C-alpha cells in the first residue's frame, strides 16, 4: 500500500507512465483509507478512543485528497472522529465533526440510510451527553427511522436506537415508556438468538413474558408504544453484526438487566427474561458457556418462582440450560489430562 506513495517519481517518463503512477497512488490511498477506517472502528468498539483518533484523521486526509471535501465518503471519517471525541468527553469537538458530516449529508441526495442513521444516532448521543434530552429524542427517532428503512424496524441496528430513547425517558422520570423501549430491545435480541437456537437444534420457541399473563407478545408491546410491532423481523446480515454493534448490544442488554432489577426486583419475571437473553447472547455469539450457564441458571430460578417448574417457558429455559451444561461437559472431557 505504501510503496507507490513513498517511491520517488521518475524525473523523466512518458504520459502513460505518469498516468499509471497516478492510478497506483489513488489505489494505494483507497487501500489506506479502508485500513485506517477499519482500525479506527475496531479501536472505537473497545473504547480506545484516543488511539482511534490518528487512524480516523489519516483516513480523513486521504479521503479529502482522493474524493474531495464535499464527497459522501468524507462522512464516515467525520463520524468516527465525532465518536472518538464523544468517548473522550470532548463534546465541542464531537459537535464540530458532526456539523461537517451533516452538511455533506444534507447536500448529497445519494447518501445511504445507514449513514444517515449513524449520523443522527451520534447527534442524539452528543445531545444526551450535554443533557439536552428534548433535542436528542428527535435525532434518535430519525436514527431509528433510517435504520428501519435499511434493515427493518425489528433489526438489531434499530434496537440500539430504541435503547437510547428508553434511557432518555428513564432520565426524564418516565419509567413506563422507558421500560416499554427496553422491552423492545430485549424482544429483538431474543427473537434473533432464538432463531440461532432453532438453527442449532430444532426445538419449540418460548415467547417472552409479561407481568400478568406471562407472555409479552408484539401486540402487548405495541399497546405501550407504536414501534412497528407486529411485523416479522428482517434477516440479520453481517452488516448488522459488526464488532461495534455486538459490543453495544451486549452492553445494552446488561444495562436493561440492571434497570429491571432495580425497578422491578431481582426475582421479577422480566428480570429473568433479560437474564435468559444474556445467556443466549453469551452462548451463541460470544461462545462463553460459563457466563451463559450463570445467566440462564439465574433466569430459571425466576421462571420457577413466578411460573412454576411445569410451565412451558420454564421447561424451555431448563432445556437450554441442559444444552449449555452439556457443551461445558463435552469441552471438559476433551481437555488433555495434563490440563485437568
Protein backbone atom coordinates (compact mmCIF):
# COMPACT_ATOMS: atom_id res chain seq x y z
CA UNK A 1 0.00 0.00 0.00
CA UNK A 2 2.78 2.43 0.88
CA UNK A 3 5.23 1.68 -1.93
CA UNK A 4 3.63 3.89 -4.62
CA UNK A 5 3.37 6.74 -2.10
CA UNK A 6 6.95 6.71 -0.84
CA UNK A 7 8.70 5.68 -4.04
CA UNK A 8 10.21 8.79 -5.70
CA UNK A 9 8.67 9.74 -9.03
CA UNK A 10 10.88 9.25 -12.10
CA UNK A 11 12.36 12.50 -13.40
CA UNK A 12 11.54 11.61 -16.98
CA UNK A 13 8.64 9.45 -18.02
CA UNK A 14 6.00 9.05 -20.67
CA UNK A 15 2.43 10.22 -20.23
CA UNK A 16 1.37 6.59 -19.90
CA UNK A 17 3.87 6.00 -17.07
CA UNK A 18 2.73 9.14 -15.28
CA UNK A 19 -0.93 8.07 -15.60
CA UNK A 20 -0.09 4.59 -14.30
CA UNK A 21 1.75 6.05 -11.33
CA UNK A 22 -1.16 8.42 -10.54
CA UNK A 23 -3.58 5.49 -10.75
CA UNK A 24 -1.43 3.37 -8.42
CA UNK A 25 -1.21 6.23 -5.93
CA UNK A 26 -5.01 6.54 -5.86
CA UNK A 27 -5.40 2.78 -5.36
CA UNK A 28 -2.87 2.88 -2.52
CA UNK A 29 -4.67 5.76 -0.85
CA UNK A 30 -8.01 3.97 -1.12
CA UNK A 31 -6.50 0.88 0.46
CA UNK A 32 -5.08 3.01 3.26
CA UNK A 33 -8.45 4.71 3.76
CA UNK A 34 -10.13 1.33 4.20
CA UNK A 35 -7.37 0.11 6.52
CA UNK A 36 -7.46 3.26 8.68
CA UNK A 37 -11.26 3.24 8.96
CA UNK A 38 -11.29 -0.43 9.93
CA UNK A 39 -8.56 0.14 12.50
CA UNK A 40 -10.35 3.15 13.93
CA UNK A 41 -13.66 1.28 14.07
CA UNK A 42 -12.06 -1.65 15.89
CA UNK A 43 -10.49 0.68 18.44
CA UNK A 44 -13.78 2.50 18.97
CA UNK A 45 -15.57 -0.79 19.59
CA UNK A 46 -13.23 -1.49 22.52
CA UNK A 47 -13.43 2.11 23.79
CA UNK A 48 -9.83 3.03 22.94
CA UNK A 49 -10.87 6.48 21.77
CA UNK A 50 -7.51 8.23 21.96
CA UNK A 51 -5.88 5.55 19.80
CA UNK A 52 -8.72 5.76 17.25
CA UNK A 53 -8.07 9.46 16.52
CA UNK A 54 -4.86 9.16 14.43
CA UNK A 55 -6.33 6.44 12.19
CA UNK A 56 -9.54 8.41 11.59
CA UNK A 57 -7.57 11.63 10.92
CA UNK A 58 -5.40 9.83 8.36
CA UNK A 59 -8.49 8.36 6.68
CA UNK A 60 -9.99 11.85 6.52
CA UNK A 61 -6.82 13.27 4.95
CA UNK A 62 -6.60 10.63 2.21
CA UNK A 63 -10.35 10.74 1.53
CA UNK A 64 -10.17 14.51 1.02
CA UNK A 65 -7.29 14.05 -1.43
CA UNK A 66 -8.96 11.25 -3.39
CA UNK A 67 -12.67 12.17 -3.36
CA UNK A 68 -12.81 15.84 -2.39
CA UNK A 69 -14.03 17.54 0.77
CA UNK A 70 -17.69 17.55 -0.37
CA UNK A 71 -17.81 13.83 -1.11
CA UNK A 72 -20.13 11.47 0.80
CA UNK A 73 -17.02 9.38 1.50
CA UNK A 74 -15.93 12.13 3.93
CA UNK A 75 -18.86 11.38 6.24
CA UNK A 76 -17.50 8.13 7.70
CA UNK A 77 -14.18 9.62 8.91
CA UNK A 78 -16.07 12.57 10.42
CA UNK A 79 -18.44 10.19 12.24
CA UNK A 80 -15.59 8.15 13.64
CA UNK A 81 -13.80 11.30 14.78
CA UNK A 82 -17.01 12.50 16.42
CA UNK A 83 -17.46 9.16 18.17
CA UNK A 84 -13.88 9.27 19.45
CA UNK A 85 -14.34 12.83 20.71
CA UNK A 86 -17.59 11.82 22.42
CA UNK A 87 -15.81 8.94 24.14
CA UNK A 88 -13.14 11.36 25.39
CA UNK A 89 -15.87 13.76 26.65
CA UNK A 90 -14.69 16.41 24.18
CA UNK A 91 -18.25 17.36 23.28
CA UNK A 92 -17.44 20.58 21.42
CA UNK A 93 -15.16 18.68 19.05
CA UNK A 94 -17.79 15.97 18.61
CA UNK A 95 -20.36 18.61 17.64
CA UNK A 96 -17.94 20.20 15.15
CA UNK A 97 -17.26 16.91 13.36
CA UNK A 98 -20.98 16.12 13.30
CA UNK A 99 -21.79 19.54 11.84
CA UNK A 100 -19.32 18.93 9.00
CA UNK A 101 -20.75 15.45 8.37
CA UNK A 102 -24.33 16.73 8.45
CA UNK A 103 -23.54 19.48 5.94
CA UNK A 104 -22.27 16.87 3.48
CA UNK A 105 -25.29 14.60 4.07
CA UNK A 106 -27.77 17.44 3.52
CA UNK A 107 -26.06 18.38 0.24
CA UNK A 108 -25.91 14.84 -1.19
CA UNK A 109 -29.10 13.07 -2.20
CA UNK A 110 -27.34 9.74 -2.75
CA UNK A 111 -26.36 9.37 0.91
CA UNK A 112 -27.49 5.97 2.22
CA UNK A 113 -29.98 5.46 5.04
CA UNK A 114 -27.45 3.62 7.18
CA UNK A 115 -25.05 6.60 7.04
CA UNK A 116 -27.91 8.93 7.98
CA UNK A 117 -28.86 6.58 10.80
CA UNK A 118 -25.34 6.65 12.22
CA UNK A 119 -25.20 10.45 11.88
CA UNK A 120 -28.45 11.02 13.78
CA UNK A 121 -27.56 8.38 16.36
CA UNK A 122 -24.35 10.23 17.18
CA UNK A 123 -26.17 13.59 17.23
CA UNK A 124 -28.62 12.13 19.72
CA UNK A 125 -25.80 10.74 21.86
CA UNK A 126 -23.98 14.07 21.92
CA UNK A 127 -27.19 15.92 22.83
CA UNK A 128 -27.83 13.37 25.59
CA UNK A 129 -24.30 13.86 26.94
CA UNK A 130 -24.96 17.60 27.01
CA UNK A 131 -28.20 17.00 28.92
CA UNK A 132 -30.33 18.29 26.07
CA UNK A 133 -32.88 15.46 26.07
CA UNK A 134 -35.53 17.31 24.06
CA UNK A 135 -33.07 17.71 21.17
CA UNK A 136 -31.82 14.14 21.49
CA UNK A 137 -35.22 12.45 21.13
CA UNK A 138 -35.97 13.61 17.54
CA UNK A 139 -32.41 12.82 16.47
CA UNK A 140 -32.63 9.29 17.87
CA UNK A 141 -36.07 8.88 16.30
CA UNK A 142 -34.59 9.86 12.93
CA UNK A 143 -31.79 7.35 13.51
CA UNK A 144 -34.32 4.57 14.12
CA UNK A 145 -36.33 5.64 11.07
CA UNK A 146 -33.36 5.45 8.70
CA UNK A 147 -32.15 2.17 10.25
CA UNK A 148 -35.65 0.76 9.77
CA UNK A 149 -35.65 1.77 6.11
CA UNK A 150 -32.40 -0.12 5.62
CA UNK A 151 -32.74 -3.15 7.92
CA UNK A 152 -36.30 -3.15 9.24
CA UNK A 153 -37.98 -1.90 12.41
CA UNK A 154 -37.21 -5.17 14.20
CA UNK A 155 -33.50 -5.10 13.37
CA UNK A 156 -30.55 -5.16 15.74
CA UNK A 157 -29.41 -1.74 14.46
CA UNK A 158 -32.85 -0.28 15.23
CA UNK A 159 -32.76 -1.80 18.72
CA UNK A 160 -29.73 0.35 19.57
CA UNK A 161 -31.84 3.45 18.95
CA UNK A 162 -34.76 2.05 20.97
CA UNK A 163 -32.47 1.57 23.95
CA UNK A 164 -31.11 5.10 23.79
CA UNK A 165 -34.65 6.50 23.61
CA UNK A 166 -35.59 4.38 26.62
CA UNK A 167 -32.56 5.69 28.50
CA UNK A 168 -33.70 9.28 27.86
CA UNK A 169 -37.24 8.58 29.06
CA UNK A 170 -35.79 6.97 32.19
CA UNK A 171 -33.61 10.03 32.82
CA UNK A 172 -36.74 12.19 32.47
CA UNK A 173 -38.62 10.05 35.00
CA UNK A 174 -40.99 8.40 32.52
CA UNK A 175 -40.44 4.84 33.73
CA UNK A 176 -43.36 3.29 31.83
CA UNK A 177 -42.11 4.48 28.42
CA UNK A 178 -38.54 3.59 29.31
CA UNK A 179 -39.46 0.01 30.23
CA UNK A 180 -41.52 -0.30 27.03
CA UNK A 181 -38.49 0.65 24.93
CA UNK A 182 -36.30 -1.74 26.94
CA UNK A 183 -38.90 -4.48 26.31
CA UNK A 184 -38.47 -3.87 22.60
CA UNK A 185 -34.67 -4.17 22.81
CA UNK A 186 -34.88 -7.50 24.66
CA UNK A 187 -37.60 -8.73 22.29
CA UNK A 188 -35.48 -8.07 19.19
CA UNK A 189 -32.39 -9.77 20.58
CA UNK A 190 -34.44 -12.67 21.95
CA UNK A 191 -36.02 -13.36 18.54
CA UNK A 192 -32.66 -13.29 16.77
CA UNK A 193 -30.94 -15.50 19.34
CA UNK A 194 -33.90 -17.91 19.38
CA UNK A 195 -33.51 -18.27 15.62
CA UNK A 196 -29.90 -19.26 16.21
CA UNK A 197 -31.09 -21.80 18.78
CA UNK A 198 -33.62 -23.24 16.34
CA UNK A 199 -30.99 -23.40 13.62
CA UNK A 200 -28.66 -25.19 16.04
CA UNK A 201 -31.31 -27.64 17.20
CA UNK A 202 -34.94 -27.91 16.14
CA UNK A 203 -36.98 -27.02 19.21
CA UNK A 204 -40.15 -25.18 20.17
CA UNK A 205 -39.85 -21.47 20.83
CA UNK A 206 -40.94 -19.89 24.08
CA UNK A 207 -42.40 -16.38 23.97
CA UNK A 208 -41.24 -13.52 26.10
CA UNK A 209 -43.10 -12.95 29.31
CA UNK A 210 -45.24 -10.29 30.78
CA UNK A 211 -46.31 -9.38 34.33
CA UNK A 212 -49.82 -10.83 34.28
CA UNK A 213 -50.42 -13.34 31.50
CA UNK A 214 -46.80 -14.49 31.40
CA UNK A 215 -46.48 -13.60 27.72
CA UNK A 216 -45.14 -10.45 26.10
CA UNK A 217 -46.42 -10.54 22.56
CA UNK A 218 -45.62 -7.98 19.91
CA UNK A 219 -49.19 -6.70 20.31
CA UNK A 220 -48.71 -6.02 24.03
CA UNK A 221 -45.57 -4.02 23.29
CA UNK A 222 -47.35 -2.02 20.58
CA UNK A 223 -50.02 -1.02 23.11
CA UNK A 224 -47.31 0.77 25.08
CA UNK A 225 -45.61 2.48 22.17
CA UNK A 226 -46.05 2.24 18.41
CA UNK A 227 -42.68 0.93 17.29
CA UNK A 228 -43.82 -1.13 14.34
CA UNK A 229 -44.55 -4.27 16.37
CA UNK A 230 -46.45 -6.96 14.54
CA UNK A 231 -44.03 -7.09 11.61
CA UNK A 232 -41.72 -10.03 11.03
CA UNK A 233 -38.07 -9.36 11.88
CA UNK A 234 -35.77 -8.88 8.91
CA UNK A 235 -32.95 -11.42 8.40
CA UNK A 236 -29.84 -10.32 10.27
CA UNK A 237 -26.94 -9.53 7.93
CA UNK A 238 -23.21 -9.34 8.60
CA UNK A 239 -23.51 -5.54 8.28
CA UNK A 240 -25.57 -5.55 11.47
CA UNK A 241 -23.34 -7.95 13.40
CA UNK A 242 -20.27 -5.74 13.46
CA UNK A 243 -17.95 -5.84 16.46
CA UNK A 244 -19.24 -2.42 17.45
CA UNK A 245 -22.91 -3.47 17.30
CA UNK A 246 -22.23 -6.69 19.19
CA UNK A 247 -20.40 -4.79 21.94
CA UNK A 248 -23.18 -2.20 22.01
CA UNK A 249 -25.91 -4.83 22.13
CA UNK A 250 -24.24 -6.79 24.92
CA UNK A 251 -23.73 -3.63 26.96
CA UNK A 252 -27.33 -2.51 26.41
CA UNK A 253 -28.78 -5.86 27.48
CA UNK A 254 -26.64 -5.68 30.63
CA UNK A 255 -27.97 -2.18 31.36
CA UNK A 256 -31.57 -3.30 30.76
CA UNK A 257 -30.95 -6.09 33.27
CA UNK A 258 -29.66 -3.59 35.84
CA UNK A 259 -32.62 -1.24 35.24
CA UNK A 260 -35.16 -4.05 35.54
CA UNK A 261 -33.51 -5.45 38.64
CA UNK A 262 -33.57 -2.00 40.27
CA UNK A 263 -37.09 -1.07 39.19
CA UNK A 264 -38.88 -4.43 39.23
CA UNK A 265 -36.81 -6.61 41.55
CA UNK A 266 -34.33 -9.44 41.15
CA UNK A 267 -36.97 -12.19 41.12
CA UNK A 268 -39.32 -10.47 38.65
CA UNK A 269 -40.09 -12.46 35.51
CA UNK A 270 -39.00 -9.54 33.29
CA UNK A 271 -35.61 -9.58 35.03
CA UNK A 272 -35.42 -13.30 34.40
CA UNK A 273 -36.16 -12.97 30.69
CA UNK A 274 -33.34 -10.48 30.10
CA UNK A 275 -31.01 -12.79 32.03
CA UNK A 276 -32.05 -15.61 29.74
CA UNK A 277 -31.44 -13.41 26.68
CA UNK A 278 -28.00 -12.52 28.03
CA UNK A 279 -27.31 -16.21 28.46
CA UNK A 280 -28.23 -16.89 24.83
CA UNK A 281 -26.03 -13.96 23.76
CA UNK A 282 -23.03 -15.31 25.68
CA UNK A 283 -23.58 -18.83 24.36
CA UNK A 284 -24.30 -18.22 20.65
CA UNK A 285 -22.37 -15.01 19.91
CA UNK A 286 -19.54 -14.80 22.45
CA UNK A 287 -19.08 -18.59 22.92
CA UNK A 288 -18.72 -18.12 26.67
CA UNK A 289 -20.51 -21.19 28.04
CA UNK A 290 -19.62 -20.48 31.68
CA UNK A 291 -21.15 -16.98 31.63
CA UNK A 292 -24.16 -18.34 29.70
CA UNK A 293 -24.75 -21.01 32.34
CA UNK A 294 -24.74 -18.38 35.11
CA UNK A 295 -27.28 -16.15 33.38
CA UNK A 296 -29.61 -18.98 32.34
CA UNK A 297 -29.48 -20.58 35.80
CA UNK A 298 -30.48 -17.27 37.40
CA UNK A 299 -33.25 -16.87 34.83
CA UNK A 300 -34.51 -20.38 35.56
CA UNK A 301 -34.89 -19.53 39.27
CA UNK A 302 -37.08 -16.54 38.36
CA UNK A 303 -39.19 -18.62 35.97
CA UNK A 304 -39.67 -21.40 38.52
CA UNK A 305 -40.59 -18.90 41.24
CA UNK A 306 -43.05 -16.92 39.11
CA UNK A 307 -44.48 -19.57 36.75
CA UNK A 308 -43.71 -22.89 38.37
CA UNK A 309 -41.49 -25.74 37.13
CA UNK A 310 -44.17 -27.23 34.85
CA UNK A 311 -44.80 -24.08 32.78
CA UNK A 312 -43.75 -24.44 29.09
CA UNK A 313 -41.50 -21.37 29.30
CA UNK A 314 -39.76 -22.73 32.40
CA UNK A 315 -39.21 -26.05 30.64
CA UNK A 316 -37.81 -24.22 27.63
CA UNK A 317 -35.28 -22.32 29.77
CA UNK A 318 -34.35 -25.52 31.58
CA UNK A 319 -33.79 -27.34 28.27
CA UNK A 320 -31.46 -24.57 27.12
CA UNK A 321 -29.57 -24.80 30.41
CA UNK A 322 -29.06 -28.52 29.79
CA UNK A 323 -27.68 -27.76 26.30
CA UNK A 324 -25.17 -25.29 27.75
CA UNK A 325 -24.14 -27.64 30.55
CA UNK A 326 -23.71 -30.48 28.07
CA UNK A 327 -21.41 -28.29 25.98
CA UNK A 328 -19.35 -27.42 29.05
CA UNK A 329 -19.13 -31.12 29.94
CA UNK A 330 -18.07 -32.05 26.40
CA UNK A 331 -15.33 -29.41 26.44
CA UNK A 332 -14.13 -30.64 29.81
CA UNK A 333 -13.99 -34.23 28.55
CA UNK A 334 -11.88 -33.25 25.53
CA UNK A 335 -9.21 -31.47 27.61
CA UNK A 336 -5.86 -33.27 27.79
CA UNK A 337 -5.25 -34.96 31.14
CA UNK A 338 -2.33 -32.58 31.82
CA UNK A 339 -4.74 -29.60 31.84
CA UNK A 340 -7.23 -31.19 34.23
